[in-house]
């Protein structure tokens, strides 16, 4: 395991197990439900830190994505049609 986390250590890339794994002697492990509750609490704390886009920003981003997708769809459709026509010309039907 120490080799997989070599970036944690010094310049030589060597890491001791004590540097990678924290000591858990004397600590009791929390139950499943308390860990799940802590996880959900941490999610809500992180979501409060998010800077949400305004309605106008969201509509602009959505419009840009839809226009981009339409452009890419048209481009791929034209390529497909063109290669199909080239294939028919070369090999006939």
Protein backbone atom coordinates (compact mmCIF):
# COMPACT_ATOMS: atom_id res chain seq x y z
CA UNK A 1 0.00 0.00 0.00
CA UNK A 2 2.87 2.35 0.69
CA UNK A 3 4.05 2.09 -2.92
CA UNK A 4 0.62 3.09 -4.27
CA UNK A 5 0.65 6.30 -2.23
CA UNK A 6 4.23 7.29 -2.94
CA UNK A 7 3.24 10.86 -3.75
CA UNK A 8 2.48 11.44 -0.06
CA UNK A 9 6.08 10.95 1.00
CA UNK A 10 9.33 12.68 0.28
CA UNK A 11 11.15 13.23 -3.02
CA UNK A 12 12.41 9.66 -3.14
CA UNK A 13 8.83 8.39 -3.25
CA UNK A 14 9.24 6.33 -0.10
CA UNK A 15 6.44 6.29 2.45
CA UNK A 16 6.23 4.46 5.72
CA UNK A 17 2.99 2.84 6.83
CA UNK A 18 2.77 5.25 9.78
CA UNK A 19 2.68 8.19 7.37
CA UNK A 20 -0.09 6.68 5.26
CA UNK A 21 -2.42 5.13 7.82
CA UNK A 22 -3.55 7.08 10.90
CA UNK A 23 -3.34 5.33 14.23
CA UNK A 24 -6.70 4.05 15.45
CA UNK A 25 -5.60 2.44 18.71
CA UNK A 26 -8.13 3.07 21.45
CA UNK A 27 -10.70 4.56 19.07
CA UNK A 28 -14.06 2.88 18.72
CA UNK A 29 -15.63 2.60 15.32
CA UNK A 30 -18.97 4.31 14.85
CA UNK A 31 -22.02 2.34 13.82
CA UNK A 32 -23.46 2.21 10.33
CA UNK A 33 -26.34 4.59 11.02
CA UNK A 34 -24.20 7.20 12.76
CA UNK A 35 -21.71 7.11 9.88
CA UNK A 36 -24.57 7.44 7.37
CA UNK A 37 -25.99 10.37 9.35
CA UNK A 38 -22.57 12.04 9.47
CA UNK A 39 -22.19 11.50 5.72
CA UNK A 40 -25.57 13.11 4.99
CA UNK A 41 -24.73 15.98 7.33
CA UNK A 42 -21.43 16.54 5.51
CA UNK A 43 -23.30 16.59 2.20
CA UNK A 44 -25.66 19.30 3.44
CA UNK A 45 -22.73 21.34 4.77
CA UNK A 46 -20.93 21.13 1.42
CA UNK A 47 -24.09 21.99 -0.54
CA UNK A 48 -24.45 25.18 1.50
CA UNK A 49 -21.00 26.24 0.24
CA UNK A 50 -21.99 25.88 -3.42
CA UNK A 51 -22.46 29.06 -5.41
CA UNK A 52 -25.62 28.26 -7.34
CA UNK A 53 -26.17 29.90 -10.74
CA UNK A 54 -28.91 32.48 -11.12
CA UNK A 55 -31.91 31.72 -13.30
CA UNK A 56 -30.44 33.88 -16.07
CA UNK A 57 -27.05 32.14 -15.92
CA UNK A 58 -28.74 28.76 -15.95
CA UNK A 59 -30.81 29.65 -19.01
CA UNK A 60 -27.70 30.95 -20.82
CA UNK A 61 -25.74 27.79 -20.01
CA UNK A 62 -28.66 25.61 -21.09
CA UNK A 63 -29.02 27.51 -24.37
CA UNK A 64 -25.30 27.20 -25.10
CA UNK A 65 -25.36 23.45 -24.45
CA UNK A 66 -28.43 22.90 -26.65
CA UNK A 67 -26.95 24.94 -29.52
CA UNK A 68 -23.66 23.05 -29.21
CA UNK A 69 -25.47 19.70 -29.26
CA UNK A 70 -27.48 20.71 -32.33
CA UNK A 71 -24.28 21.77 -34.10
CA UNK A 72 -22.47 18.53 -33.26
CA UNK A 73 -25.54 16.47 -34.26
CA UNK A 74 -25.74 18.25 -37.63
CA UNK A 75 -22.00 17.83 -38.18
CA UNK A 76 -22.05 14.10 -37.44
CA UNK A 77 -25.17 13.66 -39.58
CA UNK A 78 -23.46 15.35 -42.52
CA UNK A 79 -20.34 13.23 -42.05
CA UNK A 80 -22.45 10.07 -41.91
CA UNK A 81 -24.37 11.05 -45.03
CA UNK A 82 -21.15 11.98 -46.85
CA UNK A 83 -19.37 8.74 -45.98
CA UNK A 84 -22.49 6.82 -46.97
CA UNK A 85 -22.53 8.50 -50.38
CA UNK A 86 -18.80 7.85 -50.84
CA UNK A 87 -19.33 4.19 -49.94
CA UNK A 88 -22.19 3.88 -52.43
CA UNK A 89 -20.10 5.55 -55.13
CA UNK A 90 -17.09 3.29 -54.54
CA UNK A 91 -18.86 -0.03 -54.08
CA UNK A 92 -22.15 0.61 -55.86
CA UNK A 93 -25.47 -0.86 -54.94
